[in-house]
Amino acid sequence: MVKKENEQAFEVVPVPADVLPCPFCGSVAKIVVLGQAEDSGNVYGGVCTSCFSVGKPCITPMEAAFYWNTRVKK
């Protein structure tokens, strides 16, 4: 994967739910692996593909999609 200068690389995780657009800029959002937790494995969250806004860190991709989709829109 080729990255642009300020672009971050995240592992996109498929979820069986719709992920709403970014509430800040309206761009497409994906559920991704944000990192690793020592005791629980992967940490997931919603991330905007344009402004890179990040949602609440969660322990499952479905939980991350739920929290991303329930954020307050501006």
N, C-alpha and C. Protein backbone atom coordinates (compact mmCIF):
# COMPACT_ATOMS: atom_id res chain seq x y z
N MET A 1 0.85 -1.18 0.00
CA MET A 1 0.00 0.00 0.00
C MET A 1 0.89 1.24 0.00
N VAL A 2 0.59 2.18 -0.86
CA VAL A 2 1.33 3.43 -0.92
C VAL A 2 0.59 4.46 -0.08
N LYS A 3 1.35 5.14 0.78
CA LYS A 3 0.75 6.16 1.64
C LYS A 3 1.17 7.53 1.18
N LYS A 4 0.27 8.50 1.27
CA LYS A 4 0.60 9.89 1.04
C LYS A 4 1.26 10.44 2.29
N GLU A 5 1.82 11.63 2.21
CA GLU A 5 2.63 12.18 3.30
C GLU A 5 1.94 12.16 4.66
N ASN A 6 0.72 12.65 4.79
CA ASN A 6 0.04 12.72 6.08
C ASN A 6 -0.99 11.62 6.28
N GLU A 7 -0.98 10.61 5.45
CA GLU A 7 -1.97 9.54 5.52
C GLU A 7 -1.51 8.45 6.47
N GLN A 8 -2.43 7.95 7.29
CA GLN A 8 -2.12 6.86 8.20
C GLN A 8 -2.65 5.56 7.61
N ALA A 9 -1.95 4.48 7.87
CA ALA A 9 -2.39 3.17 7.38
C ALA A 9 -3.08 2.42 8.51
N PHE A 10 -4.32 1.99 8.28
CA PHE A 10 -5.09 1.23 9.24
C PHE A 10 -5.54 -0.05 8.57
N GLU A 11 -5.66 -1.12 9.34
CA GLU A 11 -6.22 -2.36 8.83
C GLU A 11 -7.74 -2.25 8.90
N VAL A 12 -8.40 -2.23 7.74
CA VAL A 12 -9.86 -2.12 7.69
C VAL A 12 -10.48 -3.47 8.03
N VAL A 13 -11.52 -3.44 8.86
CA VAL A 13 -12.19 -4.65 9.34
C VAL A 13 -13.61 -4.66 8.79
N PRO A 14 -14.01 -5.74 8.09
CA PRO A 14 -15.39 -5.81 7.62
C PRO A 14 -16.34 -6.04 8.79
N VAL A 15 -17.48 -5.36 8.75
CA VAL A 15 -18.52 -5.56 9.76
C VAL A 15 -19.86 -5.75 9.05
N PRO A 16 -20.74 -6.59 9.61
CA PRO A 16 -22.04 -6.83 8.98
C PRO A 16 -23.06 -5.74 9.33
N ALA A 17 -22.63 -4.51 9.32
CA ALA A 17 -23.51 -3.39 9.62
C ALA A 17 -23.08 -2.19 8.78
N ASP A 18 -24.01 -1.31 8.50
CA ASP A 18 -23.66 -0.09 7.79
C ASP A 18 -22.89 0.82 8.73
N VAL A 19 -21.87 1.47 8.18
CA VAL A 19 -21.10 2.45 8.93
C VAL A 19 -21.46 3.81 8.34
N LEU A 20 -22.01 4.68 9.17
CA LEU A 20 -22.46 5.98 8.70
C LEU A 20 -21.29 6.88 8.32
N PRO A 21 -21.54 7.88 7.46
CA PRO A 21 -20.47 8.82 7.10
C PRO A 21 -19.98 9.59 8.32
N CYS A 22 -18.83 10.20 8.17
CA CYS A 22 -18.23 11.00 9.24
C CYS A 22 -19.17 12.13 9.63
N PRO A 23 -19.43 12.31 10.93
CA PRO A 23 -20.32 13.38 11.37
C PRO A 23 -19.67 14.77 11.26
N PHE A 24 -18.38 14.81 11.03
CA PHE A 24 -17.68 16.09 10.96
C PHE A 24 -17.53 16.60 9.53
N CYS A 25 -17.13 15.70 8.60
CA CYS A 25 -16.90 16.16 7.22
C CYS A 25 -17.79 15.47 6.20
N GLY A 26 -18.53 14.42 6.60
CA GLY A 26 -19.44 13.73 5.70
C GLY A 26 -18.80 12.68 4.81
N SER A 27 -17.51 12.42 4.97
CA SER A 27 -16.82 11.43 4.14
C SER A 27 -17.08 10.01 4.62
N VAL A 28 -16.63 9.05 3.84
CA VAL A 28 -16.77 7.63 4.15
C VAL A 28 -15.96 7.30 5.40
N ALA A 29 -16.52 6.45 6.24
CA ALA A 29 -15.83 5.97 7.44
C ALA A 29 -15.71 4.46 7.38
N LYS A 30 -14.69 3.93 8.01
CA LYS A 30 -14.44 2.49 8.07
C LYS A 30 -14.18 2.10 9.52
N ILE A 31 -14.42 0.83 9.82
CA ILE A 31 -14.03 0.28 11.11
C ILE A 31 -12.65 -0.34 10.92
N VAL A 32 -11.72 0.03 11.79
CA VAL A 32 -10.33 -0.38 11.63
C VAL A 32 -9.75 -0.89 12.94
N VAL A 33 -8.61 -1.55 12.84
CA VAL A 33 -7.84 -1.92 14.02
C VAL A 33 -7.03 -0.70 14.42
N LEU A 34 -7.31 -0.18 15.62
CA LEU A 34 -6.59 1.00 16.11
C LEU A 34 -5.27 0.62 16.75
N GLY A 35 -5.19 -0.58 17.29
CA GLY A 35 -3.97 -1.02 17.97
C GLY A 35 -4.23 -2.30 18.73
N GLN A 36 -3.32 -2.60 19.63
CA GLN A 36 -3.40 -3.82 20.43
C GLN A 36 -3.51 -3.45 21.91
N ALA A 37 -4.36 -4.17 22.63
CA ALA A 37 -4.44 -4.05 24.08
C ALA A 37 -3.71 -5.24 24.68
N GLU A 38 -3.00 -5.03 25.74
CA GLU A 38 -2.21 -6.11 26.34
C GLU A 38 -3.05 -7.32 26.74
N ASP A 39 -4.24 -7.07 27.28
CA ASP A 39 -5.03 -8.16 27.82
C ASP A 39 -6.16 -8.64 26.93
N SER A 40 -6.55 -7.86 25.91
CA SER A 40 -7.74 -8.25 25.13
C SER A 40 -7.52 -8.34 23.62
N GLY A 41 -6.32 -8.20 23.13
CA GLY A 41 -6.08 -8.32 21.70
C GLY A 41 -6.32 -7.00 20.97
N ASN A 42 -6.91 -7.07 19.80
CA ASN A 42 -7.12 -5.88 18.98
C ASN A 42 -8.08 -4.89 19.62
N VAL A 43 -7.86 -3.61 19.32
CA VAL A 43 -8.77 -2.53 19.70
C VAL A 43 -9.27 -1.93 18.40
N TYR A 44 -10.60 -1.79 18.26
CA TYR A 44 -11.22 -1.33 17.03
C TYR A 44 -11.85 0.04 17.21
N GLY A 45 -12.03 0.73 16.10
CA GLY A 45 -12.71 2.02 16.15
C GLY A 45 -13.10 2.47 14.76
N GLY A 46 -14.03 3.40 14.70
CA GLY A 46 -14.40 4.01 13.44
C GLY A 46 -13.40 5.12 13.10
N VAL A 47 -13.04 5.21 11.83
CA VAL A 47 -12.11 6.24 11.38
C VAL A 47 -12.62 6.81 10.06
N CYS A 48 -12.63 8.13 9.95
CA CYS A 48 -13.00 8.80 8.71
C CYS A 48 -11.84 8.66 7.72
N THR A 49 -12.16 8.35 6.47
CA THR A 49 -11.12 8.17 5.46
C THR A 49 -10.62 9.50 4.90
N SER A 50 -11.23 10.59 5.31
CA SER A 50 -10.81 11.90 4.81
C SER A 50 -10.15 12.75 5.89
N CYS A 51 -10.86 13.01 6.98
CA CYS A 51 -10.31 13.89 8.03
C CYS A 51 -9.66 13.09 9.16
N PHE A 52 -9.76 11.76 9.11
CA PHE A 52 -9.16 10.85 10.09
C PHE A 52 -9.68 11.04 11.51
N SER A 53 -10.92 11.51 11.64
CA SER A 53 -11.57 11.55 12.94
C SER A 53 -11.71 10.11 13.43
N VAL A 54 -11.49 9.89 14.72
CA VAL A 54 -11.51 8.54 15.28
C VAL A 54 -12.59 8.43 16.34
N GLY A 55 -13.33 7.33 16.29
CA GLY A 55 -14.38 7.07 17.27
C GLY A 55 -13.84 6.39 18.51
N LYS A 56 -14.73 6.02 19.39
CA LYS A 56 -14.40 5.39 20.67
C LYS A 56 -13.68 4.05 20.45
N PRO A 57 -12.57 3.81 21.13
CA PRO A 57 -11.90 2.51 21.05
C PRO A 57 -12.78 1.42 21.67
N CYS A 58 -12.92 0.28 20.97
CA CYS A 58 -13.80 -0.80 21.41
C CYS A 58 -13.09 -2.14 21.26
N ILE A 59 -13.63 -3.17 21.93
CA ILE A 59 -13.00 -4.48 21.87
C ILE A 59 -13.52 -5.36 20.74
N THR A 60 -14.64 -4.97 20.09
CA THR A 60 -15.13 -5.72 18.93
C THR A 60 -15.44 -4.76 17.79
N PRO A 61 -15.35 -5.23 16.54
CA PRO A 61 -15.70 -4.37 15.41
C PRO A 61 -17.16 -3.91 15.42
N MET A 62 -18.08 -4.80 15.85
CA MET A 62 -19.50 -4.42 15.89
C MET A 62 -19.75 -3.33 16.93
N GLU A 63 -19.09 -3.42 18.08
CA GLU A 63 -19.23 -2.38 19.10
C GLU A 63 -18.69 -1.05 18.55
N ALA A 64 -17.58 -1.10 17.82
CA ALA A 64 -17.01 0.11 17.23
C ALA A 64 -17.98 0.73 16.22
N ALA A 65 -18.63 -0.11 15.40
CA ALA A 65 -19.61 0.40 14.44
C ALA A 65 -20.80 1.02 15.16
N PHE A 66 -21.27 0.39 16.22
CA PHE A 66 -22.39 0.92 16.99
C PHE A 66 -22.05 2.31 17.54
N TYR A 67 -20.90 2.44 18.18
CA TYR A 67 -20.53 3.74 18.76
C TYR A 67 -20.27 4.79 17.69
N TRP A 68 -19.67 4.39 16.57
CA TRP A 68 -19.45 5.35 15.48
C TRP A 68 -20.80 5.86 14.98
N ASN A 69 -21.75 4.96 14.80
CA ASN A 69 -23.06 5.34 14.24
C ASN A 69 -23.93 6.13 15.21
N THR A 70 -23.61 6.14 16.49
CA THR A 70 -24.44 6.87 17.45
C THR A 70 -23.80 8.18 17.90
N ARG A 71 -22.71 8.59 17.28
CA ARG A 71 -22.09 9.88 17.63
C ARG A 71 -22.97 11.02 17.20
N VAL A 72 -22.90 12.08 17.93
CA VAL A 72 -23.71 13.27 17.62
C VAL A 72 -23.16 13.96 16.38
N LYS A 73 -24.05 14.28 15.44
CA LYS A 73 -23.63 14.98 14.24
C LYS A 73 -23.56 16.47 14.53
N LYS A 74 -22.65 17.15 13.85
CA LYS A 74 -22.52 18.60 14.07
C LYS A 74 -23.63 19.37 13.41
